[in-house]
């Protein structure tokens, strides 16, 4: 509940142009919050409930992975889920990303269910993702304040959907080439 509230308040503050630094803006922000908070927090709560249902489905599918050939996939998916769902993540990602995380969790379930159909394809796709994530980590260490790194991280999540669960549907056009181009642009400044 606290996280839903923080997420909704974050959207209100952002829509109002950011934090208030004077009494007039603070009063306006307070009025905006009074008018918008209840419906917004209700929407965030409903969307997050759907997200948690998808998380439960992904966890159930994840728990079906247990043999030695699944070790790398277990580590990959475990890391992905940990980067998406953590204490306070709703406030951290903002309300505009709740539906995206929901879709990413659905894609995880889809990937696990379809994986036995083509293990080599799954491994090849995972190698592409790991290369891009390693590049993102390297650039993040060198340029920790670069705001576009977050865009690159979200784009990699969309690429995961495109590679592992195409029928779920990625948001926008995404490819490994596009991610690399963004990472190169970030690094070049």
C-alpha atoms as a PDB file:
ATOM      1  CA  UNK A   1       0.000   0.000   0.000  1.00  0.00           C
ATOM      2  CA  UNK A   2       2.823   2.365   0.900  1.00  0.00           C
ATOM      3  CA  UNK A   3       4.552   1.608  -2.389  1.00  0.00           C
ATOM      4  CA  UNK A   4       1.336   2.223  -4.382  1.00  0.00           C
ATOM      5  CA  UNK A   5       0.952   5.548  -2.579  1.00  0.00           C
ATOM      6  CA  UNK A   6       4.565   6.539  -3.290  1.00  0.00           C
ATOM      7  CA  UNK A   7       4.142   5.581  -6.942  1.00  0.00           C
ATOM      8  CA  UNK A   8       0.953   7.650  -7.286  1.00  0.00           C
ATOM      9  CA  UNK A   9       2.468  10.643  -5.499  1.00  0.00           C
ATOM     10  CA  UNK A  10       5.493  10.444  -7.751  1.00  0.00           C
ATOM     11  CA  UNK A  11       3.258  10.714 -10.804  1.00  0.00           C
ATOM     12  CA  UNK A  12       1.410  13.698  -9.345  1.00  0.00           C
ATOM     13  CA  UNK A  13       4.646  15.511  -8.532  1.00  0.00           C
ATOM     14  CA  UNK A  14       6.044  14.789 -12.009  1.00  0.00           C
ATOM     15  CA  UNK A  15       2.829  15.913 -13.740  1.00  0.00           C
ATOM     16  CA  UNK A  16       2.944  19.134 -11.705  1.00  0.00           C
ATOM     17  CA  UNK A  17       6.417  19.925 -12.987  1.00  0.00           C
ATOM     18  CA  UNK A  18       8.449  18.462 -10.147  1.00  0.00           C
ATOM     19  CA  UNK A  19       8.858  19.276  -6.471  1.00  0.00           C
ATOM     20  CA  UNK A  20       7.519  22.568  -5.135  1.00  0.00           C
ATOM     21  CA  UNK A  21      10.131  25.043  -3.945  1.00  0.00           C
ATOM     22  CA  UNK A  22       7.871  27.895  -2.893  1.00  0.00           C
ATOM     23  CA  UNK A  23       4.580  28.312  -1.035  1.00  0.00           C
ATOM     24  CA  UNK A  24       2.465  28.987  -4.131  1.00  0.00           C
ATOM     25  CA  UNK A  25       3.716  25.878  -5.970  1.00  0.00           C
ATOM     26  CA  UNK A  26       3.389  23.820  -2.802  1.00  0.00           C
ATOM     27  CA  UNK A  27      -0.270  24.841  -2.413  1.00  0.00           C
ATOM     28  CA  UNK A  28      -0.902  23.967  -6.073  1.00  0.00           C
ATOM     29  CA  UNK A  29       0.820  20.606  -5.646  1.00  0.00           C
ATOM     30  CA  UNK A  30      -1.218  19.926  -2.514  1.00  0.00           C
ATOM     31  CA  UNK A  31      -4.449  20.725  -4.387  1.00  0.00           C
ATOM     32  CA  UNK A  32      -3.391  18.467  -7.265  1.00  0.00           C
ATOM     33  CA  UNK A  33      -2.705  15.665  -4.786  1.00  0.00           C
ATOM     34  CA  UNK A  34      -6.097  16.108  -3.113  1.00  0.00           C
ATOM     35  CA  UNK A  35      -7.860  15.938  -6.479  1.00  0.00           C
ATOM     36  CA  UNK A  36      -5.864  13.158  -8.118  1.00  0.00           C
ATOM     37  CA  UNK A  37      -4.448  10.915  -5.409  1.00  0.00           C
ATOM     38  CA  UNK A  38      -7.415   8.636  -4.702  1.00  0.00           C
ATOM     39  CA  UNK A  39      -8.183   7.621  -8.301  1.00  0.00           C
ATOM     40  CA  UNK A  40      -4.504   7.380  -9.157  1.00  0.00           C
ATOM     41  CA  UNK A  41      -3.535   5.232  -6.185  1.00  0.00           C
ATOM     42  CA  UNK A  42      -6.548   3.006  -6.907  1.00  0.00           C
ATOM     43  CA  UNK A  43      -5.374   2.552 -10.513  1.00  0.00           C
ATOM     44  CA  UNK A  44      -1.808   1.815  -9.435  1.00  0.00           C
ATOM     45  CA  UNK A  45      -3.067  -0.701  -6.873  1.00  0.00           C
ATOM     46  CA  UNK A  46      -5.190  -2.507  -9.467  1.00  0.00           C
ATOM     47  CA  UNK A  47      -2.348  -2.604 -11.978  1.00  0.00           C
ATOM     48  CA  UNK A  48       0.109  -3.789  -9.355  1.00  0.00           C
ATOM     49  CA  UNK A  49      -2.274  -6.547  -8.276  1.00  0.00           C
ATOM     50  CA  UNK A  50      -2.334  -7.811 -11.874  1.00  0.00           C
ATOM     51  CA  UNK A  51       1.442  -7.545 -11.905  1.00  0.00           C
ATOM     52  CA  UNK A  52       1.682  -9.666  -8.753  1.00  0.00           C
ATOM     53  CA  UNK A  53      -0.549 -12.326 -10.312  1.00  0.00           C
ATOM     54  CA  UNK A  54       1.878 -12.422 -13.245  1.00  0.00           C
ATOM     55  CA  UNK A  55       4.757 -12.628 -10.754  1.00  0.00           C
ATOM     56  CA  UNK A  56       3.117 -15.611  -9.043  1.00  0.00           C
ATOM     57  CA  UNK A  57       2.695 -17.347 -12.419  1.00  0.00           C
ATOM     58  CA  UNK A  58       6.312 -16.636 -13.325  1.00  0.00           C
ATOM     59  CA  UNK A  59       7.507 -17.947  -9.953  1.00  0.00           C
ATOM     60  CA  UNK A  60       5.463 -21.131 -10.383  1.00  0.00           C
ATOM     61  CA  UNK A  61       6.961 -21.703 -13.845  1.00  0.00           C
ATOM     62  CA  UNK A  62      10.419 -20.771 -12.532  1.00  0.00           C
ATOM     63  CA  UNK A  63      10.138 -23.384  -9.790  1.00  0.00           C
ATOM     64  CA  UNK A  64       9.622 -26.048 -12.477  1.00  0.00           C
ATOM     65  CA  UNK A  65      13.180 -25.448 -13.698  1.00  0.00           C
ATOM     66  CA  UNK A  66      15.365 -27.784 -11.730  1.00  0.00           C
ATOM     67  CA  UNK A  67      17.753 -29.852 -13.766  1.00  0.00           C
ATOM     68  CA  UNK A  68      21.404 -29.138 -14.517  1.00  0.00           C
ATOM     69  CA  UNK A  69      20.755 -27.901 -18.039  1.00  0.00           C
ATOM     70  CA  UNK A  70      18.570 -25.138 -16.577  1.00  0.00           C
ATOM     71  CA  UNK A  71      21.241 -23.659 -14.269  1.00  0.00           C
ATOM     72  CA  UNK A  72      22.140 -20.755 -16.565  1.00  0.00           C
ATOM     73  CA  UNK A  73      18.482 -20.005 -17.302  1.00  0.00           C
ATOM     74  CA  UNK A  74      17.675 -20.105 -13.587  1.00  0.00           C
ATOM     75  CA  UNK A  75      20.426 -17.563 -12.910  1.00  0.00           C
ATOM     76  CA  UNK A  76      19.330 -15.384 -15.838  1.00  0.00           C
ATOM     77  CA  UNK A  77      15.652 -15.293 -14.932  1.00  0.00           C
ATOM     78  CA  UNK A  78      16.376 -14.972 -11.215  1.00  0.00           C
ATOM     79  CA  UNK A  79      18.524 -11.909 -11.912  1.00  0.00           C
ATOM     80  CA  UNK A  80      15.922 -10.434 -14.229  1.00  0.00           C
ATOM     81  CA  UNK A  81      13.112 -10.804 -11.692  1.00  0.00           C
ATOM     82  CA  UNK A  82      15.291  -9.361  -8.919  1.00  0.00           C
ATOM     83  CA  UNK A  83      16.009  -6.299 -11.062  1.00  0.00           C
ATOM     84  CA  UNK A  84      12.300  -5.805 -11.773  1.00  0.00           C
ATOM     85  CA  UNK A  85      10.582  -6.590  -8.465  1.00  0.00           C
ATOM     86  CA  UNK A  86      12.182  -5.444  -5.218  1.00  0.00           C
ATOM     87  CA  UNK A  87      10.988  -3.617  -2.088  1.00  0.00           C
ATOM     88  CA  UNK A  88       9.721  -0.212  -3.201  1.00  0.00           C
ATOM     89  CA  UNK A  89       9.883  -1.011  -6.911  1.00  0.00           C
ATOM     90  CA  UNK A  90       6.538   0.633  -7.738  1.00  0.00           C
ATOM     91  CA  UNK A  91       7.771   3.971  -6.452  1.00  0.00           C
ATOM     92  CA  UNK A  92      11.113   3.335  -8.128  1.00  0.00           C
ATOM     93  CA  UNK A  93       9.749   2.592 -11.596  1.00  0.00           C
ATOM     94  CA  UNK A  94       6.789   4.979 -11.591  1.00  0.00           C
ATOM     95  CA  UNK A  95       3.228   4.281 -12.618  1.00  0.00           C
ATOM     96  CA  UNK A  96       4.001   4.482 -16.337  1.00  0.00           C
ATOM     97  CA  UNK A  97       6.184   1.342 -16.096  1.00  0.00           C
ATOM     98  CA  UNK A  98       3.864  -0.912 -14.057  1.00  0.00           C
ATOM     99  CA  UNK A  99       2.209  -2.344 -17.183  1.00  0.00           C
ATOM    100  CA  UNK A 100       5.640  -2.896 -18.743  1.00  0.00           C
ATOM    101  CA  UNK A 101       6.904  -4.896 -15.760  1.00  0.00           C
ATOM    102  CA  UNK A 102       3.657  -6.887 -15.854  1.00  0.00           C
ATOM    103  CA  UNK A 103       4.370  -7.720 -19.510  1.00  0.00           C
ATOM    104  CA  UNK A 104       7.990  -8.632 -18.740  1.00  0.00           C
ATOM    105  CA  UNK A 105       6.800 -11.105 -16.102  1.00  0.00           C
ATOM    106  CA  UNK A 106       4.335 -12.612 -18.561  1.00  0.00           C
ATOM    107  CA  UNK A 107       7.196 -12.946 -21.045  1.00  0.00           C
ATOM    108  CA  UNK A 108       9.254 -14.808 -18.441  1.00  0.00           C
ATOM    109  CA  UNK A 109       6.468 -17.330 -17.958  1.00  0.00           C
ATOM    110  CA  UNK A 110       6.075 -17.687 -21.717  1.00  0.00           C
ATOM    111  CA  UNK A 111       9.822 -18.201 -22.115  1.00  0.00           C
ATOM    112  CA  UNK A 112       9.949 -20.915 -19.483  1.00  0.00           C
ATOM    113  CA  UNK A 113       6.945 -22.727 -20.915  1.00  0.00           C
ATOM    114  CA  UNK A 114       8.256 -22.611 -24.510  1.00  0.00           C
ATOM    115  CA  UNK A 115      11.935 -23.133 -23.734  1.00  0.00           C
ATOM    116  CA  UNK A 116      11.976 -26.920 -24.152  1.00  0.00           C
ATOM    117  CA  UNK A 117      10.882 -26.445 -27.779  1.00  0.00           C
ATOM    118  CA  UNK A 118      14.268 -24.972 -28.772  1.00  0.00           C
ATOM    119  CA  UNK A 119      16.976 -24.994 -26.113  1.00  0.00           C
ATOM    120  CA  UNK A 120      19.697 -23.814 -28.496  1.00  0.00           C
ATOM    121  CA  UNK A 121      17.635 -20.775 -29.560  1.00  0.00           C
ATOM    122  CA  UNK A 122      17.030 -19.863 -25.920  1.00  0.00           C
ATOM    123  CA  UNK A 123      20.757 -20.150 -25.201  1.00  0.00           C
ATOM    124  CA  UNK A 124      21.668 -18.008 -28.226  1.00  0.00           C
ATOM    125  CA  UNK A 125      19.154 -15.318 -27.223  1.00  0.00           C
ATOM    126  CA  UNK A 126      20.430 -15.391 -23.667  1.00  0.00           C
ATOM    127  CA  UNK A 127      23.995 -14.887 -24.930  1.00  0.00           C
ATOM    128  CA  UNK A 128      22.896 -11.769 -26.841  1.00  0.00           C
ATOM    129  CA  UNK A 129      21.186 -10.377 -23.734  1.00  0.00           C
ATOM    130  CA  UNK A 130      24.183 -11.135 -21.508  1.00  0.00           C
ATOM    131  CA  UNK A 131      26.556  -9.352 -23.907  1.00  0.00           C
ATOM    132  CA  UNK A 132      24.342  -6.251 -23.917  1.00  0.00           C
ATOM    133  CA  UNK A 133      23.891  -6.320 -20.140  1.00  0.00           C
ATOM    134  CA  UNK A 134      27.661  -6.606 -19.672  1.00  0.00           C
ATOM    135  CA  UNK A 135      28.145  -3.615 -21.955  1.00  0.00           C
ATOM    136  CA  UNK A 136      25.494  -1.667 -20.023  1.00  0.00           C
ATOM    137  CA  UNK A 137      27.222  -2.539 -16.728  1.00  0.00           C
ATOM    138  CA  UNK A 138      30.606  -1.434 -18.099  1.00  0.00           C
ATOM    139  CA  UNK A 139      29.241   1.892 -19.334  1.00  0.00           C
ATOM    140  CA  UNK A 140      27.270   2.396 -16.109  1.00  0.00           C
ATOM    141  CA  UNK A 141      30.455   2.023 -14.084  1.00  0.00           C
ATOM    142  CA  UNK A 142      32.217   4.604 -16.259  1.00  0.00           C
ATOM    143  CA  UNK A 143      29.270   7.044 -16.522  1.00  0.00           C
ATOM    144  CA  UNK A 144      27.120   6.503 -13.420  1.00  0.00           C
ATOM    145  CA  UNK A 145      25.239   9.818 -13.777  1.00  0.00           C
ATOM    146  CA  UNK A 146      24.203   9.306 -17.408  1.00  0.00           C
ATOM    147  CA  UNK A 147      20.393   9.414 -17.452  1.00  0.00           C
ATOM    148  CA  UNK A 148      20.066   7.516 -20.741  1.00  0.00           C
ATOM    149  CA  UNK A 149      21.403   4.362 -19.077  1.00  0.00           C
ATOM    150  CA  UNK A 150      17.939   3.780 -17.661  1.00  0.00           C
ATOM    151  CA  UNK A 151      16.489   3.965 -21.180  1.00  0.00           C
ATOM    152  CA  UNK A 152      19.035   1.363 -22.278  1.00  0.00           C
ATOM    153  CA  UNK A 153      18.103  -0.935 -19.388  1.00  0.00           C
ATOM    154  CA  UNK A 154      14.401  -0.712 -20.285  1.00  0.00           C
ATOM    155  CA  UNK A 155      15.241  -1.311 -23.941  1.00  0.00           C
ATOM    156  CA  UNK A 156      17.076  -4.502 -22.983  1.00  0.00           C
ATOM    157  CA  UNK A 157      13.930  -5.642 -21.154  1.00  0.00           C
ATOM    158  CA  UNK A 158      11.944  -5.000 -24.339  1.00  0.00           C
ATOM    159  CA  UNK A 159      14.539  -6.965 -26.299  1.00  0.00           C
ATOM    160  CA  UNK A 160      14.025  -9.867 -23.901  1.00  0.00           C
ATOM    161  CA  UNK A 161      10.323  -9.818 -24.769  1.00  0.00           C
ATOM    162  CA  UNK A 162      11.139  -9.675 -28.474  1.00  0.00           C
ATOM    163  CA  UNK A 163      13.611 -12.564 -28.304  1.00  0.00           C
ATOM    164  CA  UNK A 164      11.986 -14.885 -25.772  1.00  0.00           C
ATOM    165  CA  UNK A 165       8.273 -14.146 -26.025  1.00  0.00           C
ATOM    166  CA  UNK A 166       7.567 -12.440 -29.305  1.00  0.00           C
ATOM    167  CA  UNK A 167       3.831 -13.165 -29.113  1.00  0.00           C
ATOM    168  CA  UNK A 168       3.619 -11.129 -25.874  1.00  0.00           C
ATOM    169  CA  UNK A 169       4.681  -8.089 -27.890  1.00  0.00           C
ATOM    170  CA  UNK A 170       7.558  -5.717 -27.320  1.00  0.00           C
ATOM    171  CA  UNK A 171       6.846  -2.020 -26.958  1.00  0.00           C
ATOM    172  CA  UNK A 172       8.160  -0.228 -30.022  1.00  0.00           C
ATOM    173  CA  UNK A 173      10.807  -1.402 -32.436  1.00  0.00           C
ATOM    174  CA  UNK A 174      13.627  -3.158 -30.664  1.00  0.00           C
ATOM    175  CA  UNK A 175      16.639  -5.163 -31.712  1.00  0.00           C
ATOM    176  CA  UNK A 176      20.114  -5.933 -30.451  1.00  0.00           C
ATOM    177  CA  UNK A 177      21.423  -3.449 -33.035  1.00  0.00           C
ATOM    178  CA  UNK A 178      19.209  -0.665 -31.620  1.00  0.00           C
ATOM    179  CA  UNK A 179      20.366  -1.410 -28.073  1.00  0.00           C
ATOM    180  CA  UNK A 180      24.022  -1.410 -29.169  1.00  0.00           C
ATOM    181  CA  UNK A 181      23.505   1.860 -31.029  1.00  0.00           C
ATOM    182  CA  UNK A 182      22.025   3.471 -27.903  1.00  0.00           C
ATOM    183  CA  UNK A 183      24.863   2.159 -25.753  1.00  0.00           C
ATOM    184  CA  UNK A 184      27.408   3.462 -28.275  1.00  0.00           C
ATOM    185  CA  UNK A 185      25.703   6.879 -28.318  1.00  0.00           C
ATOM    186  CA  UNK A 186      25.767   7.009 -24.528  1.00  0.00           C
ATOM    187  CA  UNK A 187      29.426   6.075 -24.407  1.00  0.00           C
ATOM    188  CA  UNK A 188      30.409   8.554 -27.112  1.00  0.00           C
ATOM    189  CA  UNK A 189      28.614  11.311 -25.213  1.00  0.00           C
END
